[in-house]
Amino acid sequence: MTAALRTILDIDDRLSHRIRLQPTDGFWWRLNSWLAHSGDSWYWIAALFPIWVFSKGDWHNRAALLSGAIVLQALLVFAFKFIIRRRRPEGEWGAVYRSTDPHSFPSGHATRAGLLVILSWGLGPPWFSLAVLIWAPLMSLSRVTMGLHYLSDIVAGFIFGLVVGKLILDLTPLIMAVFPFGFI
């Protein structure tokens, strides 16, 4: 590892630890704990599934596209994490994440947040887009405050999510043509 990269990682580590919360932080700890979990892919898929099943038209198609995008995003992040293998910050909170996915770069939650920001603005409606825009950075940052990620994991993940989201928006007609069963 080069000296410049080591310096950047040391700064990243110090900044990330500076904003980390502790259980003694009471309300802020509980709020950030909830926010950190709110970006879990299985929660999003579980919420989108009944929308897909019981709706028709725009919401049916949104649910299908968002669900497929979340699955694709998770697979891409998993591949990057497997290649990069950056260890998560030391800590105890988030045992499920630490045991099932010990790698932190890029953050899958932040990638998902960036993806959902772009897709919600591209697919609408405006109230949903605004809600996601407010939620996304708060949830992403909570992953650092709870000690599961470094700031650079979040920034890189969010940017990656924006790029993947834009590609999915651009390819939506093709996706709907190739996977028509999800959109009927």
C-alpha atoms as a PDB file:
ATOM      1  CA  MET A   1       0.000   0.000   0.000  1.00  0.00           C
ATOM      2  CA  THR A   2       1.359   3.417  -0.931  1.00  0.00           C
ATOM      3  CA  ALA A   3       2.065   6.072   1.683  1.00  0.00           C
ATOM      4  CA  ALA A   4      -0.561   8.381   0.146  1.00  0.00           C
ATOM      5  CA  LEU A   5      -3.260   5.706   0.313  1.00  0.00           C
ATOM      6  CA  ARG A   6      -2.278   4.862   3.908  1.00  0.00           C
ATOM      7  CA  THR A   7      -2.603   8.571   4.824  1.00  0.00           C
ATOM      8  CA  ILE A   8      -6.046   8.793   3.210  1.00  0.00           C
ATOM      9  CA  LEU A   9      -7.216   5.641   5.020  1.00  0.00           C
ATOM     10  CA  ASP A  10      -5.896   6.977   8.350  1.00  0.00           C
ATOM     11  CA  ILE A  11      -7.813  10.247   7.874  1.00  0.00           C
ATOM     12  CA  ASP A  12     -10.904   8.254   6.888  1.00  0.00           C
ATOM     13  CA  ASP A  13     -10.559   6.129  10.039  1.00  0.00           C
ATOM     14  CA  ARG A  14     -10.167   9.174  12.323  1.00  0.00           C
ATOM     15  CA  LEU A  15     -13.138  11.045  10.799  1.00  0.00           C
ATOM     16  CA  SER A  16     -15.324   7.938  10.917  1.00  0.00           C
ATOM     17  CA  HIS A  17     -14.510   7.318  14.578  1.00  0.00           C
ATOM     18  CA  ARG A  18     -15.137  10.960  15.438  1.00  0.00           C
ATOM     19  CA  ILE A  19     -18.824  10.743  14.427  1.00  0.00           C
ATOM     20  CA  ARG A  20     -19.411   7.287  15.878  1.00  0.00           C
ATOM     21  CA  LEU A  21     -22.138   7.023  18.507  1.00  0.00           C
ATOM     22  CA  GLN A  22     -22.183   4.954  21.687  1.00  0.00           C
ATOM     23  CA  PRO A  23     -25.099   3.184  23.410  1.00  0.00           C
ATOM     24  CA  THR A  24     -24.932   5.885  26.091  1.00  0.00           C
ATOM     25  CA  ASP A  25     -26.050   8.411  23.449  1.00  0.00           C
ATOM     26  CA  GLY A  26     -29.630   7.288  24.139  1.00  0.00           C
ATOM     27  CA  PHE A  27     -32.136   8.715  21.658  1.00  0.00           C
ATOM     28  CA  TRP A  28     -29.532   9.361  18.954  1.00  0.00           C
ATOM     29  CA  TRP A  29     -28.206   5.796  19.287  1.00  0.00           C
ATOM     30  CA  ARG A  30     -31.712   4.325  18.923  1.00  0.00           C
ATOM     31  CA  LEU A  31     -32.607   6.612  15.997  1.00  0.00           C
ATOM     32  CA  ASN A  32     -29.396   5.780  14.146  1.00  0.00           C
ATOM     33  CA  SER A  33     -29.847   2.090  14.885  1.00  0.00           C
ATOM     34  CA  TRP A  34     -33.296   2.216  13.284  1.00  0.00           C
ATOM     35  CA  LEU A  35     -31.991   4.254  10.326  1.00  0.00           C
ATOM     36  CA  ALA A  36     -29.071   1.849   9.794  1.00  0.00           C
ATOM     37  CA  HIS A  37     -31.475  -1.093   9.524  1.00  0.00           C
ATOM     38  CA  SER A  38     -33.980   0.784   7.355  1.00  0.00           C
ATOM     39  CA  GLY A  39     -31.710   0.353   4.348  1.00  0.00           C
ATOM     40  CA  ASP A  40     -31.624  -3.445   4.548  1.00  0.00           C
ATOM     41  CA  SER A  41     -32.419  -4.976   1.175  1.00  0.00           C
ATOM     42  CA  TRP A  42     -34.797  -7.587   2.588  1.00  0.00           C
ATOM     43  CA  TYR A  43     -36.954  -4.834   4.163  1.00  0.00           C
ATOM     44  CA  TRP A  44     -37.200  -3.063   0.826  1.00  0.00           C
ATOM     45  CA  ILE A  45     -37.982  -6.281  -1.047  1.00  0.00           C
ATOM     46  CA  ALA A  46     -40.566  -7.264   1.606  1.00  0.00           C
ATOM     47  CA  ALA A  47     -42.250  -3.854   1.289  1.00  0.00           C
ATOM     48  CA  LEU A  48     -42.178  -3.884  -2.516  1.00  0.00           C
ATOM     49  CA  PHE A  49     -43.516  -7.419  -2.932  1.00  0.00           C
ATOM     50  CA  PRO A  50     -47.120  -6.721  -1.823  1.00  0.00           C
ATOM     51  CA  ILE A  51     -47.121  -3.535  -3.906  1.00  0.00           C
ATOM     52  CA  TRP A  52     -46.094  -5.600  -6.918  1.00  0.00           C
ATOM     53  CA  VAL A  53     -48.688  -8.298  -6.180  1.00  0.00           C
ATOM     54  CA  PHE A  54     -51.666  -6.074  -5.365  1.00  0.00           C
ATOM     55  CA  SER A  55     -51.200  -3.099  -7.663  1.00  0.00           C
ATOM     56  CA  LYS A  56     -51.480  -2.506 -11.357  1.00  0.00           C
ATOM     57  CA  GLY A  57     -49.965   0.059 -13.679  1.00  0.00           C
ATOM     58  CA  ASP A  58     -47.268   2.453 -12.508  1.00  0.00           C
ATOM     59  CA  TRP A  59     -46.833   1.144  -8.952  1.00  0.00           C
ATOM     60  CA  HIS A  60     -46.741  -2.459 -10.145  1.00  0.00           C
ATOM     61  CA  ASN A  61     -43.988  -1.575 -12.618  1.00  0.00           C
ATOM     62  CA  ARG A  62     -42.118   0.579 -10.081  1.00  0.00           C
ATOM     63  CA  ALA A  63     -42.138  -2.256  -7.554  1.00  0.00           C
ATOM     64  CA  ALA A  64     -40.833  -4.722 -10.149  1.00  0.00           C
ATOM     65  CA  LEU A  65     -38.086  -2.399 -11.356  1.00  0.00           C
ATOM     66  CA  LEU A  66     -37.026  -1.336  -7.858  1.00  0.00           C
ATOM     67  CA  SER A  67     -36.918  -4.939  -6.626  1.00  0.00           C
ATOM     68  CA  GLY A  68     -34.861  -6.104  -9.591  1.00  0.00           C
ATOM     69  CA  ALA A  69     -32.523  -3.131  -9.216  1.00  0.00           C
ATOM     70  CA  ILE A  70     -32.006  -3.884  -5.504  1.00  0.00           C
ATOM     71  CA  VAL A  71     -31.125  -7.501  -6.266  1.00  0.00           C
ATOM     72  CA  LEU A  72     -28.717  -6.454  -9.040  1.00  0.00           C
ATOM     73  CA  GLN A  73     -27.138  -3.802  -6.816  1.00  0.00           C
ATOM     74  CA  ALA A  74     -26.640  -6.319  -4.001  1.00  0.00           C
ATOM     75  CA  LEU A  75     -24.908  -8.757  -6.349  1.00  0.00           C
ATOM     76  CA  LEU A  76     -22.613  -6.050  -7.744  1.00  0.00           C
ATOM     77  CA  VAL A  77     -21.667  -4.808  -4.278  1.00  0.00           C
ATOM     78  CA  PHE A  78     -21.030  -8.355  -3.098  1.00  0.00           C
ATOM     79  CA  ALA A  79     -18.651  -8.887  -6.027  1.00  0.00           C
ATOM     80  CA  PHE A  80     -16.758  -5.659  -5.289  1.00  0.00           C
ATOM     81  CA  LYS A  81     -16.538  -6.482  -1.578  1.00  0.00           C
ATOM     82  CA  PHE A  82     -15.196  -9.942  -2.401  1.00  0.00           C
ATOM     83  CA  ILE A  83     -12.491  -8.407  -4.607  1.00  0.00           C
ATOM     84  CA  ILE A  84     -11.544  -5.478  -2.333  1.00  0.00           C
ATOM     85  CA  ARG A  85     -11.944  -7.170   1.077  1.00  0.00           C
ATOM     86  CA  ARG A  86     -11.697  -4.076   3.286  1.00  0.00           C
ATOM     87  CA  ARG A  87     -12.504  -5.085   6.857  1.00  0.00           C
ATOM     88  CA  ARG A  88     -15.296  -3.323   8.704  1.00  0.00           C
ATOM     89  CA  PRO A  89     -14.343  -1.032  11.579  1.00  0.00           C
ATOM     90  CA  GLU A  90     -13.997  -2.825  14.905  1.00  0.00           C
ATOM     91  CA  GLY A  91     -17.198  -2.889  16.919  1.00  0.00           C
ATOM     92  CA  GLU A  92     -19.986  -4.924  18.418  1.00  0.00           C
ATOM     93  CA  TRP A  93     -23.197  -3.377  17.057  1.00  0.00           C
ATOM     94  CA  GLY A  94     -24.609  -4.976  13.920  1.00  0.00           C
ATOM     95  CA  ALA A  95     -23.566  -8.560  14.576  1.00  0.00           C
ATOM     96  CA  VAL A  96     -25.721  -9.827  11.711  1.00  0.00           C
ATOM     97  CA  TYR A  97     -23.825  -7.643   9.249  1.00  0.00           C
ATOM     98  CA  ARG A  98     -20.447  -8.469  10.758  1.00  0.00           C
ATOM     99  CA  SER A  99     -21.066 -12.224  10.626  1.00  0.00           C
ATOM    100  CA  THR A 100     -22.685 -12.442   7.186  1.00  0.00           C
ATOM    101  CA  ASP A 101     -20.577  -9.761   5.481  1.00  0.00           C
ATOM    102  CA  PRO A 102     -17.282  -8.859   7.156  1.00  0.00           C
ATOM    103  CA  HIS A 103     -16.280  -6.473   4.351  1.00  0.00           C
ATOM    104  CA  SER A 104     -17.161  -2.800   4.219  1.00  0.00           C
ATOM    105  CA  PHE A 105     -16.148  -1.329   0.855  1.00  0.00           C
ATOM    106  CA  PRO A 106     -18.316  -0.205  -0.779  1.00  0.00           C
ATOM    107  CA  SER A 107     -21.284   0.087   1.546  1.00  0.00           C
ATOM    108  CA  GLY A 108     -24.191  -1.901   0.147  1.00  0.00           C
ATOM    109  CA  HIS A 109     -26.640   0.242   2.093  1.00  0.00           C
ATOM    110  CA  ALA A 110     -25.197   3.480   0.679  1.00  0.00           C
ATOM    111  CA  THR A 111     -25.141   1.965  -2.804  1.00  0.00           C
ATOM    112  CA  ARG A 112     -28.790   1.035  -2.378  1.00  0.00           C
ATOM    113  CA  ALA A 113     -29.543   4.560  -1.137  1.00  0.00           C
ATOM    114  CA  GLY A 114     -27.916   6.178  -4.193  1.00  0.00           C
ATOM    115  CA  LEU A 115     -29.695   3.724  -6.476  1.00  0.00           C
ATOM    116  CA  LEU A 116     -33.065   4.472  -4.884  1.00  0.00           C
ATOM    117  CA  VAL A 117     -32.509   8.242  -5.076  1.00  0.00           C
ATOM    118  CA  ILE A 118     -31.968   8.084  -8.833  1.00  0.00           C
ATOM    119  CA  LEU A 119     -34.742   5.574  -9.471  1.00  0.00           C
ATOM    120  CA  SER A 120     -37.269   7.426  -7.318  1.00  0.00           C
ATOM    121  CA  TRP A 121     -36.577  10.691  -9.165  1.00  0.00           C
ATOM    122  CA  GLY A 122     -36.764   8.942 -12.499  1.00  0.00           C
ATOM    123  CA  LEU A 123     -39.903   6.952 -11.739  1.00  0.00           C
ATOM    124  CA  GLY A 124     -41.778   9.285  -9.367  1.00  0.00           C
ATOM    125  CA  PRO A 125     -44.109  10.298  -7.891  1.00  0.00           C
ATOM    126  CA  PRO A 126     -42.618  13.488  -6.396  1.00  0.00           C
ATOM    127  CA  TRP A 127     -43.616  12.730  -2.787  1.00  0.00           C
ATOM    128  CA  PHE A 128     -41.814   9.364  -2.971  1.00  0.00           C
ATOM    129  CA  SER A 129     -38.758  10.986  -4.543  1.00  0.00           C
ATOM    130  CA  LEU A 130     -38.595  13.617  -1.800  1.00  0.00           C
ATOM    131  CA  ALA A 131     -38.994  11.033   0.960  1.00  0.00           C
ATOM    132  CA  VAL A 132     -36.166   8.906  -0.479  1.00  0.00           C
ATOM    133  CA  LEU A 133     -33.972  11.988  -0.967  1.00  0.00           C
ATOM    134  CA  ILE A 134     -34.327  12.883   2.726  1.00  0.00           C
ATOM    135  CA  TRP A 135     -33.953   9.306   3.967  1.00  0.00           C
ATOM    136  CA  ALA A 136     -30.964   8.221   1.813  1.00  0.00           C
ATOM    137  CA  PRO A 137     -28.158  10.379   3.269  1.00  0.00           C
ATOM    138  CA  LEU A 138     -29.442   9.937   6.830  1.00  0.00           C
ATOM    139  CA  MET A 139     -29.537   6.157   6.514  1.00  0.00           C
ATOM    140  CA  SER A 140     -26.134   6.088   4.794  1.00  0.00           C
ATOM    141  CA  LEU A 141     -24.474   8.215   7.460  1.00  0.00           C
ATOM    142  CA  SER A 142     -26.055   6.103  10.209  1.00  0.00           C
ATOM    143  CA  ARG A 143     -23.967   3.175   8.968  1.00  0.00           C
ATOM    144  CA  VAL A 144     -20.884   5.177  10.021  1.00  0.00           C
ATOM    145  CA  THR A 145     -22.347   6.452  13.303  1.00  0.00           C
ATOM    146  CA  MET A 146     -23.149   2.854  14.275  1.00  0.00           C
ATOM    147  CA  GLY A 147     -19.589   1.749  13.473  1.00  0.00           C
ATOM    148  CA  LEU A 148     -20.300  -0.534  10.524  1.00  0.00           C
ATOM    149  CA  HIS A 149     -18.570   1.539   7.849  1.00  0.00           C
ATOM    150  CA  TYR A 150     -15.972   4.188   7.173  1.00  0.00           C
ATOM    151  CA  LEU A 151     -17.004   7.452   5.531  1.00  0.00           C
ATOM    152  CA  SER A 152     -15.227   6.464   2.314  1.00  0.00           C
ATOM    153  CA  ASP A 153     -17.330   3.276   2.133  1.00  0.00           C
ATOM    154  CA  ILE A 154     -20.437   5.466   2.198  1.00  0.00           C
ATOM    155  CA  VAL A 155     -19.249   8.034  -0.339  1.00  0.00           C
ATOM    156  CA  ALA A 156     -18.033   5.391  -2.792  1.00  0.00           C
ATOM    157  CA  GLY A 157     -21.171   3.298  -2.332  1.00  0.00           C
ATOM    158  CA  PHE A 158     -23.525   6.247  -2.811  1.00  0.00           C
ATOM    159  CA  ILE A 159     -21.760   7.329  -6.001  1.00  0.00           C
ATOM    160  CA  PHE A 160     -21.768   3.753  -7.288  1.00  0.00           C
ATOM    161  CA  GLY A 161     -25.499   3.558  -6.562  1.00  0.00           C
ATOM    162  CA  LEU A 162     -26.142   6.762  -8.494  1.00  0.00           C
ATOM    163  CA  VAL A 163     -24.316   5.336 -11.511  1.00  0.00           C
ATOM    164  CA  VAL A 164     -26.117   1.977 -11.356  1.00  0.00           C
ATOM    165  CA  GLY A 165     -29.454   3.762 -10.904  1.00  0.00           C
ATOM    166  CA  LYS A 166     -28.850   5.935 -13.960  1.00  0.00           C
ATOM    167  CA  LEU A 167     -27.930   2.886 -16.039  1.00  0.00           C
ATOM    168  CA  ILE A 168     -31.089   1.092 -14.932  1.00  0.00           C
ATOM    169  CA  LEU A 169     -33.226   4.123 -15.781  1.00  0.00           C
ATOM    170  CA  ASP A 170     -31.624   4.346 -19.201  1.00  0.00           C
ATOM    171  CA  LEU A 171     -32.177   0.619 -19.776  1.00  0.00           C
ATOM    172  CA  THR A 172     -35.726   0.450 -18.373  1.00  0.00           C
ATOM    173  CA  PRO A 173     -37.420  -0.154 -21.765  1.00  0.00           C
ATOM    174  CA  LEU A 174     -34.972  -2.981 -22.503  1.00  0.00           C
ATOM    175  CA  ILE A 175     -35.399  -4.454 -18.998  1.00  0.00           C
ATOM    176  CA  MET A 176     -39.181  -4.429 -19.393  1.00  0.00           C
ATOM    177  CA  ALA A 177     -38.861  -6.102 -22.791  1.00  0.00           C
ATOM    178  CA  VAL A 178     -36.462  -8.814 -21.596  1.00  0.00           C
ATOM    179  CA  PHE A 179     -38.338  -9.524 -18.345  1.00  0.00           C
ATOM    180  CA  PRO A 180     -41.993  -8.902 -19.311  1.00  0.00           C
ATOM    181  CA  PHE A 181     -43.302 -11.328 -16.679  1.00  0.00           C
ATOM    182  CA  GLY A 182     -42.340  -8.834 -13.952  1.00  0.00           C
ATOM    183  CA  PHE A 183     -44.299  -6.023 -15.520  1.00  0.00           C
ATOM    184  CA  ILE A 184     -47.616  -7.654 -16.491  1.00  0.00           C
END
